Protein backbone atom coordinates (compact mmCIF):
# COMPACT_ATOMS: atom_id res chain seq x y z
CA MET A 1 282.03 129.17 57.99
CA SER A 2 283.10 131.99 55.48
CA SER A 3 280.53 133.25 52.72
CA GLU A 4 283.41 132.25 50.38
CA GLN A 5 283.58 128.95 52.15
CA ASP A 6 279.57 128.20 52.02
CA ARG A 7 280.02 128.97 47.87
CA ARG A 8 282.90 126.43 47.24
CA GLU A 9 281.28 123.37 49.25
CA SER A 10 277.78 124.14 47.65
CA GLU A 11 280.00 124.36 43.94
CA SER A 12 279.55 121.11 41.59
CA VAL A 13 282.78 119.60 40.25
CA ASP A 14 282.61 116.40 37.60
CA PHE A 15 282.52 113.32 39.03
CA GLY A 16 283.33 111.39 35.74
CA TYR A 17 280.20 112.38 33.16
CA GLN A 18 278.05 113.63 36.40
CA ARG A 19 278.18 116.92 38.29
CA VAL A 20 278.36 116.19 42.28
CA SER A 21 279.22 118.38 45.22
CA ARG A 22 282.63 118.65 46.29
CA GLU A 23 282.30 116.38 49.45
CA ALA A 24 279.78 114.23 47.45
CA LYS A 25 283.26 114.04 45.11
CA ALA A 26 285.74 112.99 47.64
CA GLY A 27 283.53 110.37 48.88
CA ARG A 28 282.82 108.51 45.96
CA VAL A 29 286.41 108.76 44.53
CA ARG A 30 287.38 107.06 47.43
CA GLU A 31 284.75 104.08 47.39
CA VAL A 32 286.12 104.00 43.77
CA PHE A 33 289.73 103.33 45.00
CA ASP A 34 288.91 101.09 48.07
CA SER A 35 287.25 99.10 45.70
CA VAL A 36 289.83 98.64 43.30
CA ALA A 37 293.36 98.76 45.52
CA ASP A 38 293.76 94.72 45.53
CA LYS A 39 293.35 94.49 41.68
CA TYR A 40 294.71 97.66 40.73
CA ASP A 41 298.30 96.78 39.43
CA VAL A 42 296.60 93.45 37.51
CA MET A 43 294.20 96.01 36.07
CA ASN A 44 296.66 98.59 35.33
CA ASP A 45 298.75 96.10 33.40
CA LEU A 46 295.77 95.02 31.54
CA MET A 47 294.41 97.85 30.77
CA SER A 48 297.62 99.20 29.15
CA LEU A 49 299.11 96.34 27.96
CA GLY A 50 302.04 96.50 30.11
CA ILE A 51 302.84 99.64 28.46
CA HIS A 52 302.01 102.02 31.71
CA ARG A 53 305.89 100.42 32.78
CA LEU A 54 307.10 102.25 29.64
CA TRP A 55 305.60 105.59 30.91
CA LYS A 56 306.53 105.78 34.60
CA ARG A 57 310.04 104.67 33.35
CA HIS A 58 310.47 108.04 31.13
CA THR A 59 309.36 109.76 33.52
CA LEU A 60 311.61 108.76 36.00
CA SER A 61 314.79 109.08 33.64
CA LYS A 62 313.17 112.90 33.80
CA THR A 63 313.24 113.58 37.72
CA GLY A 64 317.05 114.35 37.80
CA LEU A 65 317.06 113.26 41.28
CA ARG A 66 320.55 112.29 42.94
CA ALA A 67 322.22 110.65 45.87
CA GLY A 68 321.18 112.03 49.40
CA GLN A 69 318.07 114.55 47.87
CA SER A 70 314.61 114.26 48.59
CA ALA A 71 311.44 113.39 46.24
CA LEU A 72 307.55 112.91 46.89
CA ASP A 73 305.03 111.21 45.43
CA VAL A 74 301.53 112.25 45.72
CA ALA A 75 298.48 110.62 45.12
CA GLY A 76 301.44 107.19 44.58
CA GLY A 77 299.12 104.69 45.10
CA THR A 78 301.04 101.15 44.93
CA GLY A 79 304.13 102.92 44.50
CA ASP A 80 305.75 102.56 41.48
CA LEU A 81 307.35 106.16 40.62
CA ALA A 82 308.35 105.89 44.65
CA ALA A 83 310.28 102.40 44.13
CA GLY A 84 312.27 103.89 41.11
CA MET A 85 313.21 107.26 43.37
CA SER A 86 314.31 105.23 45.94
CA ARG A 87 317.00 103.88 44.19
CA GLN A 88 318.01 107.57 42.72
CA VAL A 89 317.90 109.24 45.68
CA GLY A 90 319.81 106.29 47.67
CA PRO A 91 320.01 105.27 51.45
CA THR A 92 321.01 108.50 51.80
CA GLY A 93 318.18 110.41 50.71
CA ARG A 94 314.34 110.49 51.20
CA VAL A 95 311.32 109.86 49.55
CA VAL A 96 307.54 110.34 50.57
CA LEU A 97 304.88 108.09 49.36
CA SER A 98 301.30 109.78 49.87
CA ASP A 99 298.27 108.84 49.27
CA ILE A 100 294.33 110.31 50.11
CA ASN A 101 293.28 106.75 50.31
CA GLU A 102 294.27 104.52 53.21
CA ALA A 103 293.46 101.22 50.86
CA MET A 104 295.73 102.02 48.43
CA LEU A 105 298.62 103.61 50.57
CA ALA A 106 298.52 100.36 52.30
CA ARG A 107 298.67 98.38 49.24
CA GLY A 108 301.53 100.84 48.01
CA ARG A 109 303.21 99.93 51.30
CA ASP A 110 303.33 96.06 50.98
CA ARG A 111 304.53 96.22 47.72
CA LEU A 112 307.61 98.57 48.07
CA LEU A 113 308.30 96.16 51.30
CA ASP A 114 307.68 93.05 49.01
CA ARG A 115 310.02 94.41 46.92
CA GLY A 116 312.68 95.46 50.23
CA ILE A 117 312.73 98.70 49.69
CA ALA A 118 312.84 99.89 52.76
CA GLY A 119 314.54 102.36 55.02
CA ASN A 120 314.84 105.50 52.86
CA VAL A 121 310.62 105.47 51.94
CA GLU A 122 307.97 107.00 54.49
CA TYR A 123 304.06 107.35 54.16
CA SER A 124 302.00 109.75 54.48
CA LEU A 125 298.06 109.47 54.14
CA ALA A 126 297.71 113.09 52.72
CA ASN A 127 295.53 115.34 50.86
CA ALA A 128 297.06 116.49 47.62
CA GLU A 129 294.97 119.91 47.79
CA LYS A 130 296.36 120.49 51.50
CA LEU A 131 299.89 118.43 51.83
CA PRO A 132 301.34 118.40 55.13
CA PHE A 133 304.87 118.81 54.56
CA ALA A 134 306.80 121.85 55.36
CA ASP A 135 307.62 124.67 52.69
CA ASP A 136 310.77 123.98 50.08
CA SER A 137 310.78 120.09 51.47
CA PHE A 138 311.69 118.28 48.33
CA HIS A 139 313.81 118.31 44.95
CA CYS A 140 311.03 116.45 43.28
CA VAL A 141 307.21 116.21 43.47
CA THR A 142 305.80 113.74 41.14
CA ILE A 143 301.84 112.29 40.83
CA GLY A 144 301.45 109.65 38.07
CA PHE A 145 297.63 109.16 37.31
CA GLY A 146 296.15 110.69 40.18
CA LEU A 147 295.69 114.80 39.44
CA ARG A 148 292.74 113.48 37.38
CA ASN A 149 290.87 112.29 40.44
CA VAL A 150 291.57 115.73 42.95
CA THR A 151 288.53 118.04 43.56
CA ASP A 152 290.46 121.04 43.50
CA LYS A 153 293.14 120.78 41.01
CA PRO A 154 294.58 124.40 41.10
CA ALA A 155 295.03 123.92 45.14
CA ALA A 156 296.91 120.47 44.34
CA LEU A 157 299.19 122.30 42.16
CA ARG A 158 299.71 125.41 44.09
CA SER A 159 300.02 122.67 47.22
CA MET A 160 302.91 121.15 45.23
CA LEU A 161 304.80 124.15 44.02
CA ARG A 162 304.65 125.18 48.21
CA VAL A 163 306.47 121.76 49.07
CA LEU A 164 308.96 121.80 46.40
CA LYS A 165 312.26 123.89 46.98
CA PRO A 166 313.53 126.22 44.70
CA GLY A 167 314.96 125.00 41.59
CA GLY A 168 312.89 121.76 42.33
CA GLN A 169 310.67 119.93 39.71
CA LEU A 170 306.97 118.41 39.51
CA LEU A 171 306.05 115.85 36.90
CA ILE A 172 302.94 115.37 35.90
CA LEU A 173 301.82 111.84 34.53
CA GLU A 174 298.72 111.91 33.16
CA PHE A 175 296.03 110.22 30.58
CA SER A 176 295.20 113.09 27.91
CA LYS A 177 294.09 113.99 24.61
CA PRO A 178 295.07 111.19 22.03
CA ILE A 179 296.24 112.32 18.34
CA ALA A 180 292.86 112.41 16.01
CA PRO A 181 293.89 109.00 14.30
CA ILE A 182 293.95 106.81 17.74
CA ALA A 183 291.05 109.06 19.14
CA PRO A 184 288.11 107.17 18.01
CA PHE A 185 289.75 103.61 18.70
CA TYR A 186 290.78 105.19 22.05
CA ASP A 187 287.30 105.41 23.00
CA ALA A 188 285.65 102.69 22.07
CA TYR A 189 288.47 101.10 23.83
CA SER A 190 287.98 103.21 27.27
CA PHE A 191 284.16 102.70 26.97
CA GLY A 192 283.45 98.85 25.39
CA VAL A 193 286.71 97.02 26.87
CA LEU A 194 287.78 98.40 30.34
CA PRO A 195 284.54 98.12 31.96
CA VAL A 196 283.75 94.65 30.75
CA LEU A 197 287.45 93.68 32.48
CA GLY A 198 286.80 95.63 35.45
CA LYS A 199 283.58 93.35 35.84
CA LEU A 200 285.82 89.95 34.84
CA VAL A 201 288.83 91.05 37.09
CA ALA A 202 287.95 92.83 39.70
CA ASN A 203 283.95 92.81 40.24
CA ASP A 204 283.53 96.09 39.57
CA SER A 205 282.74 97.55 35.95
CA ALA A 206 281.47 101.22 37.27
CA SER A 207 284.54 102.06 39.21
CA TYR A 208 285.97 101.33 35.46
CA ARG A 209 283.47 102.92 33.90
CA TYR A 210 284.13 106.44 36.20
CA LEU A 211 287.60 106.07 35.60
CA ALA A 212 287.49 105.96 31.49
CA GLU A 213 284.96 109.24 31.77
CA SER A 214 287.44 110.98 34.64
CA ILE A 215 290.46 111.04 31.64
CA ARG A 216 287.50 112.35 29.04
CA THR A 217 286.66 115.33 31.41
CA PHE A 218 290.59 116.30 32.38
CA PRO A 219 291.70 119.35 31.30
CA ASP A 220 293.97 118.12 27.88
CA GLN A 221 297.40 119.36 27.21
CA GLU A 222 297.34 122.55 26.26
CA ARG A 223 295.05 123.69 29.10
CA LEU A 224 296.76 121.53 32.37
CA ALA A 225 300.24 123.48 30.84
CA ARG A 226 298.34 126.79 31.39
CA MET A 227 296.83 126.01 34.71
CA MET A 228 300.40 124.84 35.80
CA THR A 229 302.02 128.45 34.75
CA GLU A 230 298.74 129.82 36.77
CA ALA A 231 299.58 128.35 39.61
CA GLY A 232 303.16 129.68 39.83
CA PHE A 233 305.09 127.27 37.96
CA ASP A 234 307.75 128.32 35.64
CA ALA A 235 309.31 126.86 32.49
CA VAL A 236 306.12 124.61 31.68
CA LYS A 237 306.65 122.15 28.90
CA PHE A 238 305.17 118.57 28.17
CA GLU A 239 305.60 115.91 25.87
CA ASN A 240 302.88 113.57 24.44
CA LEU A 241 303.68 109.53 25.20
CA THR A 242 301.94 107.09 22.63
CA GLY A 243 300.57 109.86 20.75
CA GLY A 244 298.95 111.62 23.41
CA VAL A 245 297.29 108.81 25.32
CA VAL A 246 299.12 110.17 27.90
CA ALA A 247 301.07 113.04 28.45
CA LEU A 248 304.27 113.95 30.73
CA HIS A 249 303.91 117.35 31.89
CA ARG A 250 307.00 119.36 34.08
CA GLY A 251 306.91 122.67 35.43
CA TRP A 252 309.68 124.10 37.82
CA LYS A 253 310.11 126.60 41.29
CA TYR A 254 312.37 129.30 40.32
């Protein structure tokens, strides 16, 4: 093992408000999503009052996908974005739903099959930092509420850039920094209400406390845009949704 590998593996990274090793974070994030997979969709509706559906619908309206094209949903969880892109590319197109967590990927596959979505969707147990796809494979890549759980975010951005076709687009839908008037109420909700909901619905307050903390330690809108540019994306831009509670970042590979 090289000294560079030794250094990287010994580095500490954020796990919510804690600092842990890279290896420990990957394992602990896996434990979080193993725990919440069965209740993930119910909790999404409760946590966002159903607004997450509007955020995802807006993201899908920006993909620019056409019939016969290909798309990848990274950290796709239970498959909402993949389902929408499956309709956009049609029966001659291709969509890959990927996730590093086996329980979440299985839940996503079951949900899509229950909705009658099959034929043009594939499933891949994949690490966003090292996507197992050829260069220039996809017209569009999405990642919704997943990047903040990735250990090495710059590596994941470079990996997503690599698998995009020239002219392709990355869309990142993620919690972000809300505007000032909203921030105090959002903090009170995130740290007061979410863990209670997690305990009552999923019997797991700790995982939802981590999810709230992971939002606070995630780069804000401007910093994430810079990270995308540094990774090699062109024409990077973002828009705030619901007062900056969520932001949609877009970047292209030219």
